[in-house]
């Protein structure tokens, strides 16, 4: 095992979970966009404007 990987905090386990959570987030963003008809930026803007 590379000693620098423990120094920087990168490991196969954390990178695997980071990738999985990113895929879930991207999928949820696409589903939300399809259901609302607005993009991510439009949803954020409408969330903060009353």
Protein backbone atom coordinates (compact mmCIF):
# COMPACT_ATOMS: atom_id res chain seq x y z
CA UNK A 1 0.00 0.00 0.00
CA UNK A 2 1.22 3.47 -0.83
CA UNK A 3 2.09 5.50 2.27
CA UNK A 4 1.00 8.74 0.56
CA UNK A 5 -2.60 7.52 0.17
CA UNK A 6 -3.06 7.48 3.95
CA UNK A 7 -1.44 10.92 4.18
CA UNK A 8 -3.81 12.52 1.67
CA UNK A 9 -6.91 10.66 2.83
CA UNK A 10 -7.68 8.96 -0.47
CA UNK A 11 -8.54 5.30 -0.30
CA UNK A 12 -10.33 2.85 -2.55
CA UNK A 13 -13.21 2.55 -0.09
CA UNK A 14 -13.86 6.29 0.17
CA UNK A 15 -13.50 6.86 -3.55
CA UNK A 16 -15.94 4.02 -4.30
CA UNK A 17 -18.58 5.49 -1.98
CA UNK A 18 -17.97 9.00 -3.30
CA UNK A 19 -18.61 7.76 -6.83
CA UNK A 20 -21.74 5.85 -5.82
CA UNK A 21 -23.22 8.84 -3.99
CA UNK A 22 -22.41 11.11 -6.93
CA UNK A 23 -24.25 8.75 -9.30
CA UNK A 24 -27.27 8.69 -6.99
CA UNK A 25 -27.27 12.50 -6.75
CA UNK A 26 -27.02 12.91 -10.51
CA UNK A 27 -29.86 10.44 -11.07
CA UNK A 28 -32.07 12.22 -8.54
CA UNK A 29 -31.29 15.55 -10.21
CA UNK A 30 -32.39 14.17 -13.58
CA UNK A 31 -35.58 12.70 -12.13
CA UNK A 32 -36.42 15.96 -10.35
CA UNK A 33 -35.81 17.93 -13.53
CA UNK A 34 -38.08 15.60 -15.49
CA UNK A 35 -40.87 15.89 -12.91
CA UNK A 36 -40.74 19.68 -12.43
CA UNK A 37 -39.74 20.81 -15.92
CA UNK A 38 -37.09 23.12 -14.47
CA UNK A 39 -33.35 22.69 -14.40
CA UNK A 40 -31.29 22.57 -11.24
CA UNK A 41 -30.51 26.30 -11.30
CA UNK A 42 -34.18 27.15 -11.90
CA UNK A 43 -35.20 24.99 -8.96
CA UNK A 44 -32.70 26.68 -6.68
CA UNK A 45 -33.88 30.13 -7.75
CA UNK A 46 -37.54 29.25 -7.26
CA UNK A 47 -36.73 27.76 -3.85
CA UNK A 48 -35.39 31.11 -2.60
CA UNK A 49 -37.91 33.43 -4.26
CA UNK A 50 -41.28 33.74 -2.62
